[in-house]
Amino acid sequence: MKLTKKEKQIFWDYDLSKIDLSNPKIMTWYLSRKLRFGDLSGISKKDLKKYLLKLDVSASLRELLKNYLNV
């Protein structure tokens, strides 16, 4: 996985080449962290819908995402 400059800032403390995004817990962590830093790049609507209720994000961000996804 080639990291963008933004992703290097978000995940400075992890080696993303070693994480398994097929693991739901890891994917939830990954999405939550990207969203908390305001980075939507590379996140599909399908993944957002699938993990939305499990994401560790603020209530206002969750509401914004619900509106964006029409959930």
PDB file of N, CA and C in Angstrom:
ATOM      1  N   MET A   1       0.843  -1.173   0.000  1.00  0.00           N
ATOM      2  CA  MET A   1       0.000   0.000   0.000  1.00  0.00           C
ATOM      3  C   MET A   1       0.891   1.240   0.000  1.00  0.00           C
ATOM      4  N   LYS A   2       0.751   2.068  -1.016  1.00  0.00           N
ATOM      5  CA  LYS A   2       1.526   3.299  -1.097  1.00  0.00           C
ATOM      6  C   LYS A   2       0.762   4.406  -0.380  1.00  0.00           C
ATOM      7  N   LEU A   3       1.413   5.025   0.572  1.00  0.00           N
ATOM      8  CA  LEU A   3       0.766   6.049   1.384  1.00  0.00           C
ATOM      9  C   LEU A   3       0.876   7.428   0.757  1.00  0.00           C
ATOM     10  N   THR A   4      -0.200   8.179   0.857  1.00  0.00           N
ATOM     11  CA  THR A   4      -0.173   9.578   0.438  1.00  0.00           C
ATOM     12  C   THR A   4       0.462  10.393   1.557  1.00  0.00           C
ATOM     13  N   LYS A   5       0.783  11.638   1.276  1.00  0.00           N
ATOM     14  CA  LYS A   5       1.352  12.511   2.295  1.00  0.00           C
ATOM     15  C   LYS A   5       0.396  12.650   3.481  1.00  0.00           C
ATOM     16  N   LYS A   6      -0.899  12.794   3.180  1.00  0.00           N
ATOM     17  CA  LYS A   6      -1.916  12.925   4.226  1.00  0.00           C
ATOM     18  C   LYS A   6      -1.955  11.667   5.093  1.00  0.00           C
ATOM     19  N   GLU A   7      -1.918  10.492   4.462  1.00  0.00           N
ATOM     20  CA  GLU A   7      -1.957   9.246   5.219  1.00  0.00           C
ATOM     21  C   GLU A   7      -0.708   9.081   6.093  1.00  0.00           C
ATOM     22  N   LYS A   8       0.430   9.540   5.617  1.00  0.00           N
ATOM     23  CA  LYS A   8       1.646   9.475   6.433  1.00  0.00           C
ATOM     24  C   LYS A   8       1.486  10.324   7.688  1.00  0.00           C
ATOM     25  N   GLN A   9       0.756  11.427   7.583  1.00  0.00           N
ATOM     26  CA  GLN A   9       0.506  12.280   8.746  1.00  0.00           C
ATOM     27  C   GLN A   9      -0.482  11.625   9.700  1.00  0.00           C
ATOM     28  N   ILE A  10      -1.450  10.926   9.163  1.00  0.00           N
ATOM     29  CA  ILE A  10      -2.483  10.293   9.987  1.00  0.00           C
ATOM     30  C   ILE A  10      -1.962   9.038  10.676  1.00  0.00           C
ATOM     31  N   PHE A  11      -1.181   8.244   9.968  1.00  0.00           N
ATOM     32  CA  PHE A  11      -0.726   6.952  10.476  1.00  0.00           C
ATOM     33  C   PHE A  11       0.786   6.945  10.716  1.00  0.00           C
ATOM     34  N   TRP A  12       1.300   8.003  11.294  1.00  0.00           N
ATOM     35  CA  TRP A  12       2.737   8.121  11.540  1.00  0.00           C
ATOM     36  C   TRP A  12       3.264   7.021  12.451  1.00  0.00           C
ATOM     37  N   ASP A  13       2.379   6.442  13.260  1.00  0.00           N
ATOM     38  CA  ASP A  13       2.813   5.489  14.276  1.00  0.00           C
ATOM     39  C   ASP A  13       2.528   4.025  13.914  1.00  0.00           C
ATOM     40  N   TYR A  14       2.080   3.783  12.680  1.00  0.00           N
ATOM     41  CA  TYR A  14       1.783   2.427  12.243  1.00  0.00           C
ATOM     42  C   TYR A  14       2.370   2.162  10.864  1.00  0.00           C
ATOM     43  N   ASP A  15       2.739   0.923  10.637  1.00  0.00           N
ATOM     44  CA  ASP A  15       3.189   0.487   9.326  1.00  0.00           C
ATOM     45  C   ASP A  15       1.982  -0.135   8.629  1.00  0.00           C
ATOM     46  N   LEU A  16       1.340   0.641   7.754  1.00  0.00           N
ATOM     47  CA  LEU A  16       0.111   0.182   7.123  1.00  0.00           C
ATOM     48  C   LEU A  16       0.325  -0.992   6.168  1.00  0.00           C
ATOM     49  N   SER A  17       1.557  -1.233   5.776  1.00  0.00           N
ATOM     50  CA  SER A  17       1.804  -2.374   4.893  1.00  0.00           C
ATOM     51  C   SER A  17       1.603  -3.702   5.630  1.00  0.00           C
ATOM     52  N   LYS A  18       1.539  -3.637   6.959  1.00  0.00           N
ATOM     53  CA  LYS A  18       1.402  -4.851   7.762  1.00  0.00           C
ATOM     54  C   LYS A  18       0.004  -5.043   8.341  1.00  0.00           C
ATOM     55  N   ILE A  19      -0.939  -4.152   8.018  1.00  0.00           N
ATOM     56  CA  ILE A  19      -2.278  -4.322   8.578  1.00  0.00           C
ATOM     57  C   ILE A  19      -3.180  -5.060   7.598  1.00  0.00           C
ATOM     58  N   ASP A  20      -4.172  -5.727   8.145  1.00  0.00           N
ATOM     59  CA  ASP A  20      -5.105  -6.538   7.356  1.00  0.00           C
ATOM     60  C   ASP A  20      -6.470  -5.851   7.337  1.00  0.00           C
ATOM     61  N   LEU A  21      -6.739  -5.109   6.264  1.00  0.00           N
ATOM     62  CA  LEU A  21      -7.997  -4.366   6.177  1.00  0.00           C
ATOM     63  C   LEU A  21      -9.200  -5.276   5.936  1.00  0.00           C
ATOM     64  N   SER A  22      -8.975  -6.562   5.742  1.00  0.00           N
ATOM     65  CA  SER A  22     -10.104  -7.493   5.626  1.00  0.00           C
ATOM     66  C   SER A  22     -10.644  -7.871   7.006  1.00  0.00           C
ATOM     67  N   ASN A  23      -9.886  -7.554   8.048  1.00  0.00           N
ATOM     68  CA  ASN A  23     -10.328  -7.773   9.425  1.00  0.00           C
ATOM     69  C   ASN A  23     -11.258  -6.621   9.809  1.00  0.00           C
ATOM     70  N   PRO A  24     -12.518  -6.908  10.155  1.00  0.00           N
ATOM     71  CA  PRO A  24     -13.475  -5.836  10.451  1.00  0.00           C
ATOM     72  C   PRO A  24     -13.032  -4.879  11.565  1.00  0.00           C
ATOM     73  N   LYS A  25     -12.378  -5.380  12.596  1.00  0.00           N
ATOM     74  CA  LYS A  25     -11.921  -4.500  13.683  1.00  0.00           C
ATOM     75  C   LYS A  25     -10.842  -3.538  13.199  1.00  0.00           C
ATOM     76  N   ILE A  26      -9.943  -4.031  12.383  1.00  0.00           N
ATOM     77  CA  ILE A  26      -8.883  -3.181  11.848  1.00  0.00           C
ATOM     78  C   ILE A  26      -9.459  -2.176  10.862  1.00  0.00           C
ATOM     79  N   MET A  27     -10.390  -2.613  10.034  1.00  0.00           N
ATOM     80  CA  MET A  27     -11.021  -1.695   9.084  1.00  0.00           C
ATOM     81  C   MET A  27     -11.782  -0.593   9.820  1.00  0.00           C
ATOM     82  N   THR A  28     -12.465  -0.937  10.893  1.00  0.00           N
ATOM     83  CA  THR A  28     -13.181   0.059  11.690  1.00  0.00           C
ATOM     84  C   THR A  28     -12.203   1.077  12.260  1.00  0.00           C
ATOM     85  N   TRP A  29     -11.088   0.610  12.798  1.00  0.00           N
ATOM     86  CA  TRP A  29     -10.058   1.506  13.334  1.00  0.00           C
ATOM     87  C   TRP A  29      -9.502   2.410  12.234  1.00  0.00           C
ATOM     88  N   TYR A  30      -9.183   1.811  11.095  1.00  0.00           N
ATOM     89  CA  TYR A  30      -8.603   2.539   9.967  1.00  0.00           C
ATOM     90  C   TYR A  30      -9.546   3.640   9.478  1.00  0.00           C
ATOM     91  N   LEU A  31     -10.802   3.292   9.253  1.00  0.00           N
ATOM     92  CA  LEU A  31     -11.775   4.276   8.778  1.00  0.00           C
ATOM     93  C   LEU A  31     -12.001   5.378   9.807  1.00  0.00           C
ATOM     94  N   SER A  32     -12.128   4.994  11.065  1.00  0.00           N
ATOM     95  CA  SER A  32     -12.346   5.975  12.130  1.00  0.00           C
ATOM     96  C   SER A  32     -11.207   6.987  12.179  1.00  0.00           C
ATOM     97  N   ARG A  33     -10.011   6.489  12.102  1.00  0.00           N
ATOM     98  CA  ARG A  33      -8.853   7.377  12.189  1.00  0.00           C
ATOM     99  C   ARG A  33      -8.775   8.317  10.991  1.00  0.00           C
ATOM    100  N   LYS A  34      -8.990   7.790   9.787  1.00  0.00           N
ATOM    101  CA  LYS A  34      -8.979   8.640   8.592  1.00  0.00           C
ATOM    102  C   LYS A  34     -10.054   9.722   8.690  1.00  0.00           C
ATOM    103  N   LEU A  35     -11.235   9.336   9.104  1.00  0.00           N
ATOM    104  CA  LEU A  35     -12.337  10.295   9.179  1.00  0.00           C
ATOM    105  C   LEU A  35     -12.107  11.355  10.244  1.00  0.00           C
ATOM    106  N   ARG A  36     -11.557  10.963  11.380  1.00  0.00           N
ATOM    107  CA  ARG A  36     -11.271  11.947  12.442  1.00  0.00           C
ATOM    108  C   ARG A  36     -10.252  12.980  11.970  1.00  0.00           C
ATOM    109  N   PHE A  37      -9.390  12.590  11.036  1.00  0.00           N
ATOM    110  CA  PHE A  37      -8.409  13.525  10.490  1.00  0.00           C
ATOM    111  C   PHE A  37      -8.916  14.211   9.216  1.00  0.00           C
ATOM    112  N   GLY A  38     -10.170  13.935   8.844  1.00  0.00           N
ATOM    113  CA  GLY A  38     -10.773  14.605   7.702  1.00  0.00           C
ATOM    114  C   GLY A  38     -10.312  14.111   6.349  1.00  0.00           C
ATOM    115  N   ASP A  39      -9.912  12.861   6.263  1.00  0.00           N
ATOM    116  CA  ASP A  39      -9.417  12.309   5.008  1.00  0.00           C
ATOM    117  C   ASP A  39     -10.402  11.278   4.464  1.00  0.00           C
ATOM    118  N   LEU A  40     -11.130  11.635   3.415  1.00  0.00           N
ATOM    119  CA  LEU A  40     -12.083  10.720   2.787  1.00  0.00           C
ATOM    120  C   LEU A  40     -11.485   9.965   1.609  1.00  0.00           C
ATOM    121  N   SER A  41     -10.247  10.277   1.251  1.00  0.00           N
ATOM    122  CA  SER A  41      -9.639   9.643   0.076  1.00  0.00           C
ATOM    123  C   SER A  41      -9.538   8.130   0.266  1.00  0.00           C
ATOM    124  N   GLY A  42      -9.924   7.428  -0.777  1.00  0.00           N
ATOM    125  CA  GLY A  42      -9.818   5.973  -0.757  1.00  0.00           C
ATOM    126  C   GLY A  42     -10.884   5.263   0.054  1.00  0.00           C
ATOM    127  N   ILE A  43     -11.855   5.989   0.588  1.00  0.00           N
ATOM    128  CA  ILE A  43     -12.929   5.368   1.367  1.00  0.00           C
ATOM    129  C   ILE A  43     -14.160   5.271   0.477  1.00  0.00           C
ATOM    130  N   SER A  44     -14.661   4.070   0.321  1.00  0.00           N
ATOM    131  CA  SER A  44     -15.841   3.874  -0.523  1.00  0.00           C
ATOM    132  C   SER A  44     -17.123   4.077   0.289  1.00  0.00           C
ATOM    133  N   LYS A  45     -18.167   4.457  -0.405  1.00  0.00           N
ATOM    134  CA  LYS A  45     -19.471   4.593   0.249  1.00  0.00           C
ATOM    135  C   LYS A  45     -19.922   3.244   0.816  1.00  0.00           C
ATOM    136  N   LYS A  46     -19.588   2.193   0.101  1.00  0.00           N
ATOM    137  CA  LYS A  46     -19.952   0.841   0.555  1.00  0.00           C
ATOM    138  C   LYS A  46     -19.332   0.550   1.924  1.00  0.00           C
ATOM    139  N   ASP A  47     -18.046   0.865   2.090  1.00  0.00           N
ATOM    140  CA  ASP A  47     -17.382   0.638   3.374  1.00  0.00           C
ATOM    141  C   ASP A  47     -17.952   1.550   4.452  1.00  0.00           C
ATOM    142  N   LEU A  48     -18.230   2.794   4.103  1.00  0.00           N
ATOM    143  CA  LEU A  48     -18.817   3.705   5.085  1.00  0.00           C
ATOM    144  C   LEU A  48     -20.150   3.174   5.592  1.00  0.00           C
ATOM    145  N   LYS A  49     -20.999   2.720   4.679  1.00  0.00           N
ATOM    146  CA  LYS A  49     -22.299   2.183   5.080  1.00  0.00           C
ATOM    147  C   LYS A  49     -22.128   0.944   5.957  1.00  0.00           C
ATOM    148  N   LYS A  50     -21.205   0.090   5.566  1.00  0.00           N
ATOM    149  CA  LYS A  50     -20.999  -1.170   6.289  1.00  0.00           C
ATOM    150  C   LYS A  50     -20.517  -0.940   7.723  1.00  0.00           C
ATOM    151  N   TYR A  51     -19.638   0.027   7.916  1.00  0.00           N
ATOM    152  CA  TYR A  51     -19.003   0.219   9.222  1.00  0.00           C
ATOM    153  C   TYR A  51     -19.501   1.440   9.993  1.00  0.00           C
ATOM    154  N   LEU A  52     -20.430   2.190   9.443  1.00  0.00           N
ATOM    155  CA  LEU A  52     -20.844   3.464  10.025  1.00  0.00           C
ATOM    156  C   LEU A  52     -21.206   3.378  11.506  1.00  0.00           C
ATOM    157  N   LEU A  53     -21.991   2.420  11.884  1.00  0.00           N
ATOM    158  CA  LEU A  53     -22.444   2.340  13.273  1.00  0.00           C
ATOM    159  C   LEU A  53     -21.340   1.923  14.242  1.00  0.00           C
ATOM    160  N   LYS A  54     -20.263   1.372  13.731  1.00  0.00           N
ATOM    161  CA  LYS A  54     -19.154   0.919  14.584  1.00  0.00           C
ATOM    162  C   LYS A  54     -18.003   1.923  14.656  1.00  0.00           C
ATOM    163  N   LEU A  55     -18.051   2.969  13.836  1.00  0.00           N
ATOM    164  CA  LEU A  55     -16.942   3.920  13.780  1.00  0.00           C
ATOM    165  C   LEU A  55     -16.812   4.730  15.057  1.00  0.00           C
ATOM    166  N   ASP A  56     -15.584   4.969  15.449  1.00  0.00           N
ATOM    167  CA  ASP A  56     -15.277   5.787  16.617  1.00  0.00           C
ATOM    168  C   ASP A  56     -15.087   7.232  16.153  1.00  0.00           C
ATOM    169  N   VAL A  57     -16.222   7.903  15.924  1.00  0.00           N
ATOM    170  CA  VAL A  57     -16.216   9.296  15.469  1.00  0.00           C
ATOM    171  C   VAL A  57     -17.244  10.072  16.293  1.00  0.00           C
ATOM    172  N   SER A  58     -17.172  11.380  16.220  1.00  0.00           N
ATOM    173  CA  SER A  58     -18.109  12.208  16.972  1.00  0.00           C
ATOM    174  C   SER A  58     -19.533  12.027  16.447  1.00  0.00           C
ATOM    175  N   ALA A  59     -20.487  12.358  17.288  1.00  0.00           N
ATOM    176  CA  ALA A  59     -21.901  12.245  16.902  1.00  0.00           C
ATOM    177  C   ALA A  59     -22.214  13.139  15.709  1.00  0.00           C
ATOM    178  N   SER A  60     -21.620  14.313  15.677  1.00  0.00           N
ATOM    179  CA  SER A  60     -21.897  15.227  14.565  1.00  0.00           C
ATOM    180  C   SER A  60     -21.317  14.692  13.250  1.00  0.00           C
ATOM    181  N   LEU A  61     -20.147  14.089  13.288  1.00  0.00           N
ATOM    182  CA  LEU A  61     -19.573  13.494  12.081  1.00  0.00           C
ATOM    183  C   LEU A  61     -20.405  12.299  11.636  1.00  0.00           C
ATOM    184  N   ARG A  62     -20.851  11.493  12.588  1.00  0.00           N
ATOM    185  CA  ARG A  62     -21.693  10.342  12.251  1.00  0.00           C
ATOM    186  C   ARG A  62     -22.986  10.824  11.576  1.00  0.00           C
ATOM    187  N   GLU A  63     -23.588  11.886  12.091  1.00  0.00           N
ATOM    188  CA  GLU A  63     -24.816  12.428  11.503  1.00  0.00           C
ATOM    189  C   GLU A  63     -24.554  12.964  10.097  1.00  0.00           C
ATOM    190  N   LEU A  64     -23.435  13.637   9.917  1.00  0.00           N
ATOM    191  CA  LEU A  64     -23.053  14.135   8.598  1.00  0.00           C
ATOM    192  C   LEU A  64     -22.905  12.983   7.611  1.00  0.00           C
ATOM    193  N   LEU A  65     -22.255  11.913   8.034  1.00  0.00           N
ATOM    194  CA  LEU A  65     -22.067  10.749   7.176  1.00  0.00           C
ATOM    195  C   LEU A  65     -23.395  10.062   6.860  1.00  0.00           C
ATOM    196  N   LYS A  66     -24.288   9.989   7.838  1.00  0.00           N
ATOM    197  CA  LYS A  66     -25.617   9.411   7.597  1.00  0.00           C
ATOM    198  C   LYS A  66     -26.338  10.209   6.517  1.00  0.00           C
ATOM    199  N   ASN A  67     -26.280  11.510   6.613  1.00  0.00           N
ATOM    200  CA  ASN A  67     -26.924  12.363   5.603  1.00  0.00           C
ATOM    201  C   ASN A  67     -26.261  12.190   4.235  1.00  0.00           C
ATOM    202  N   TYR A  68     -24.953  12.119   4.217  1.00  0.00           N
ATOM    203  CA  TYR A  68     -24.202  11.938   2.976  1.00  0.00           C
ATOM    204  C   TYR A  68     -24.575  10.616   2.304  1.00  0.00           C
ATOM    205  N   LEU A  69     -24.750   9.582   3.110  1.00  0.00           N
ATOM    206  CA  LEU A  69     -25.041   8.258   2.590  1.00  0.00           C
ATOM    207  C   LEU A  69     -26.536   7.984   2.435  1.00  0.00           C
ATOM    208  N   ASN A  70     -27.352   8.931   2.859  1.00  0.00           N
ATOM    209  CA  ASN A  70     -28.815   8.747   2.829  1.00  0.00           C
ATOM    210  C   ASN A  70     -29.240   7.519   3.624  1.00  0.00           C
ATOM    211  N   VAL A  71     -28.673   7.363   4.812  1.00  0.00           N
ATOM    212  CA  VAL A  71     -28.979   6.210   5.679  1.00  0.00           C
ATOM    213  C   VAL A  71     -30.008   6.633   6.689  1.00  0.00           C
TER     214      VAL A  71
END
